[in-house]
Amino acid sequence: MSRTCARPGCSGAAVATLTYDYANRTAWVERLSPEPHPMTHDLCGRHADNLSVPQGWRLEDRRVVAPLFRTSLAS
């Protein structure tokens, strides 16, 4: 069974998971978690990419992983 976006009125396929911590005013967008959890929200790509948080909150996008090694373009 595929998962869909948690935003009302959106039936897009979920590609990311939103997690948040009220006490620290932080929200994280991560790759879609393997299993759904009642304390997280699945989002489609459009809603994950355009997510904004309240003023004073911090948003961390953890979907992009930096490469372990950098390749040099110099010859």
N, C-alpha and C. Protein backbone atom coordinates (compact mmCIF):
# COMPACT_ATOMS: atom_id res chain seq x y z
N MET A 1 0.84 -1.18 0.00
CA MET A 1 0.00 0.00 0.00
C MET A 1 0.89 1.24 0.00
N SER A 2 0.71 2.12 -0.98
CA SER A 2 1.52 3.33 -1.05
C SER A 2 0.93 4.39 -0.12
N ARG A 3 1.79 5.27 0.34
CA ARG A 3 1.37 6.33 1.25
C ARG A 3 1.19 7.63 0.47
N THR A 4 0.25 8.44 0.92
CA THR A 4 -0.04 9.70 0.25
C THR A 4 0.26 10.86 1.17
N CYS A 5 0.31 12.04 0.58
CA CYS A 5 0.60 13.27 1.29
C CYS A 5 -0.45 13.53 2.37
N ALA A 6 0.00 14.02 3.51
CA ALA A 6 -0.89 14.29 4.64
C ALA A 6 -1.62 15.63 4.50
N ARG A 7 -1.22 16.47 3.55
CA ARG A 7 -1.88 17.76 3.39
C ARG A 7 -3.30 17.56 2.89
N PRO A 8 -4.27 18.23 3.52
CA PRO A 8 -5.66 18.09 3.11
C PRO A 8 -5.85 18.43 1.63
N GLY A 9 -6.57 17.59 0.93
CA GLY A 9 -6.87 17.81 -0.48
C GLY A 9 -5.78 17.35 -1.43
N CYS A 10 -4.66 16.87 -0.92
CA CYS A 10 -3.56 16.41 -1.78
C CYS A 10 -3.54 14.89 -1.78
N SER A 11 -3.48 14.32 -2.95
CA SER A 11 -3.39 12.86 -3.06
C SER A 11 -2.07 12.43 -3.68
N GLY A 12 -1.08 13.33 -3.64
CA GLY A 12 0.23 13.03 -4.20
C GLY A 12 0.93 11.93 -3.41
N ALA A 13 1.81 11.22 -4.10
CA ALA A 13 2.57 10.16 -3.44
C ALA A 13 3.55 10.76 -2.45
N ALA A 14 3.61 10.19 -1.26
CA ALA A 14 4.52 10.67 -0.22
C ALA A 14 5.96 10.33 -0.59
N VAL A 15 6.85 11.33 -0.43
CA VAL A 15 8.28 11.13 -0.70
C VAL A 15 9.14 11.60 0.46
N ALA A 16 8.53 12.25 1.45
CA ALA A 16 9.27 12.80 2.59
C ALA A 16 8.43 12.67 3.86
N THR A 17 9.11 12.73 5.00
CA THR A 17 8.43 12.68 6.29
C THR A 17 8.78 13.93 7.08
N LEU A 18 7.77 14.57 7.63
CA LEU A 18 7.92 15.75 8.46
C LEU A 18 7.83 15.33 9.93
N THR A 19 8.84 15.74 10.69
CA THR A 19 8.87 15.50 12.13
C THR A 19 9.14 16.85 12.79
N TYR A 20 8.61 17.05 13.98
CA TYR A 20 8.83 18.33 14.64
C TYR A 20 8.96 18.15 16.14
N ASP A 21 9.58 19.16 16.77
CA ASP A 21 9.79 19.19 18.21
C ASP A 21 9.35 20.57 18.69
N TYR A 22 8.17 20.62 19.30
CA TYR A 22 7.64 21.90 19.76
C TYR A 22 8.56 22.58 20.77
N ALA A 23 9.10 21.83 21.71
CA ALA A 23 9.92 22.41 22.77
C ALA A 23 11.14 23.15 22.21
N ASN A 24 11.74 22.62 21.17
CA ASN A 24 12.93 23.24 20.57
C ASN A 24 12.62 24.04 19.32
N ARG A 25 11.35 24.14 18.97
CA ARG A 25 10.89 24.89 17.79
C ARG A 25 11.70 24.52 16.55
N THR A 26 11.76 23.23 16.30
CA THR A 26 12.51 22.71 15.16
C THR A 26 11.65 21.71 14.40
N ALA A 27 11.74 21.76 13.09
CA ALA A 27 11.05 20.80 12.23
C ALA A 27 12.08 20.20 11.28
N TRP A 28 11.91 18.93 10.95
CA TRP A 28 12.81 18.23 10.04
C TRP A 28 12.02 17.63 8.91
N VAL A 29 12.53 17.79 7.70
CA VAL A 29 12.00 17.09 6.53
C VAL A 29 13.07 16.06 6.17
N GLU A 30 12.68 14.81 6.16
CA GLU A 30 13.62 13.73 5.88
C GLU A 30 13.07 12.86 4.76
N ARG A 31 13.91 11.99 4.25
CA ARG A 31 13.43 11.01 3.27
C ARG A 31 12.27 10.25 3.90
N LEU A 32 11.41 9.73 3.08
CA LEU A 32 10.23 9.01 3.56
C LEU A 32 10.66 7.89 4.50
N SER A 33 10.10 7.90 5.70
CA SER A 33 10.44 6.86 6.67
C SER A 33 9.89 5.52 6.19
N PRO A 34 10.56 4.44 6.56
CA PRO A 34 10.12 3.11 6.10
C PRO A 34 8.70 2.75 6.54
N GLU A 35 8.33 3.20 7.72
CA GLU A 35 7.00 2.90 8.26
C GLU A 35 6.32 4.19 8.69
N PRO A 36 5.01 4.29 8.49
CA PRO A 36 4.30 5.48 8.99
C PRO A 36 4.26 5.48 10.51
N HIS A 37 4.21 6.66 11.09
CA HIS A 37 4.14 6.80 12.54
C HIS A 37 3.10 7.88 12.85
N PRO A 38 2.29 7.71 13.88
CA PRO A 38 1.24 8.70 14.17
C PRO A 38 1.75 10.08 14.57
N MET A 39 3.03 10.20 14.94
CA MET A 39 3.57 11.50 15.34
C MET A 39 4.35 12.19 14.22
N THR A 40 4.30 11.67 13.01
CA THR A 40 4.95 12.29 11.87
C THR A 40 3.93 12.49 10.76
N HIS A 41 4.32 13.23 9.73
CA HIS A 41 3.44 13.51 8.60
C HIS A 41 4.18 13.23 7.30
N ASP A 42 3.58 12.45 6.44
CA ASP A 42 4.15 12.17 5.13
C ASP A 42 3.77 13.30 4.18
N LEU A 43 4.72 13.70 3.33
CA LEU A 43 4.47 14.79 2.39
C LEU A 43 4.89 14.40 0.98
N CYS A 44 4.18 14.93 -0.01
CA CYS A 44 4.60 14.76 -1.39
C CYS A 44 5.77 15.71 -1.65
N GLY A 45 6.41 15.58 -2.77
CA GLY A 45 7.56 16.42 -3.10
C GLY A 45 7.23 17.90 -3.12
N ARG A 46 6.10 18.27 -3.69
CA ARG A 46 5.71 19.68 -3.79
C ARG A 46 5.54 20.29 -2.41
N HIS A 47 4.85 19.62 -1.52
CA HIS A 47 4.63 20.17 -0.19
C HIS A 47 5.89 20.12 0.67
N ALA A 48 6.72 19.13 0.50
CA ALA A 48 7.99 19.07 1.24
C ALA A 48 8.91 20.20 0.79
N ASP A 49 8.97 20.46 -0.51
CA ASP A 49 9.85 21.49 -1.05
C ASP A 49 9.41 22.90 -0.67
N ASN A 50 8.11 23.10 -0.48
CA ASN A 50 7.58 24.44 -0.20
C ASN A 50 7.16 24.63 1.25
N LEU A 51 7.60 23.76 2.11
CA LEU A 51 7.23 23.83 3.52
C LEU A 51 7.83 25.06 4.18
N SER A 52 7.04 25.74 4.97
CA SER A 52 7.55 26.84 5.78
C SER A 52 7.14 26.59 7.23
N VAL A 53 7.91 27.13 8.14
CA VAL A 53 7.63 26.94 9.57
C VAL A 53 7.32 28.30 10.19
N PRO A 54 6.70 28.30 11.37
CA PRO A 54 6.38 29.57 12.02
C PRO A 54 7.63 30.39 12.33
N GLN A 55 7.45 31.69 12.44
CA GLN A 55 8.56 32.58 12.77
C GLN A 55 9.16 32.14 14.10
N GLY A 56 10.48 32.09 14.16
CA GLY A 56 11.17 31.65 15.35
C GLY A 56 11.49 30.17 15.37
N TRP A 57 10.96 29.44 14.39
CA TRP A 57 11.25 28.01 14.26
C TRP A 57 12.39 27.82 13.27
N ARG A 58 13.03 26.67 13.36
CA ARG A 58 14.10 26.31 12.42
C ARG A 58 13.65 25.09 11.64
N LEU A 59 13.89 25.11 10.34
CA LEU A 59 13.57 23.98 9.47
C LEU A 59 14.86 23.38 8.94
N GLU A 60 15.02 22.09 9.12
CA GLU A 60 16.18 21.38 8.60
C GLU A 60 15.71 20.39 7.54
N ASP A 61 16.26 20.52 6.35
CA ASP A 61 15.95 19.58 5.27
C ASP A 61 17.05 18.53 5.26
N ARG A 62 16.74 17.36 5.70
CA ARG A 62 17.71 16.28 5.79
C ARG A 62 17.62 15.30 4.63
N ARG A 63 16.89 15.67 3.59
CA ARG A 63 16.76 14.77 2.44
C ARG A 63 18.02 14.74 1.60
N VAL A 64 18.78 15.82 1.60
CA VAL A 64 19.99 15.90 0.79
C VAL A 64 21.16 15.44 1.66
N VAL A 65 21.86 14.46 1.20
CA VAL A 65 23.00 13.94 1.93
C VAL A 65 24.26 14.34 1.18
N ALA A 66 25.19 14.97 1.88
CA ALA A 66 26.44 15.39 1.26
C ALA A 66 27.28 14.17 0.93
N PRO A 67 28.01 14.20 -0.18
CA PRO A 67 28.86 13.06 -0.53
C PRO A 67 29.97 12.87 0.49
N LEU A 68 30.38 11.63 0.69
CA LEU A 68 31.45 11.35 1.63
C LEU A 68 32.78 11.89 1.13
N PHE A 69 32.98 11.84 -0.18
CA PHE A 69 34.24 12.28 -0.77
C PHE A 69 33.93 13.28 -1.87
N ARG A 70 34.72 14.32 -1.91
CA ARG A 70 34.58 15.29 -2.99
C ARG A 70 35.54 14.94 -4.09
N THR A 71 35.08 15.07 -5.30
CA THR A 71 35.96 14.83 -6.44
C THR A 71 36.48 16.15 -6.93
N SER A 72 37.73 16.20 -7.26
CA SER A 72 38.36 17.42 -7.73
C SER A 72 38.13 17.55 -9.23
N LEU A 73 37.80 18.76 -9.65
CA LEU A 73 37.62 19.02 -11.07
C LEU A 73 38.94 19.42 -11.73
N ALA A 74 39.94 19.71 -10.92
CA ALA A 74 41.25 20.10 -11.47
C ALA A 74 41.95 18.86 -12.03
N SER A 75 42.68 19.05 -13.13
CA SER A 75 43.38 17.90 -13.69
C SER A 75 44.83 17.86 -13.31
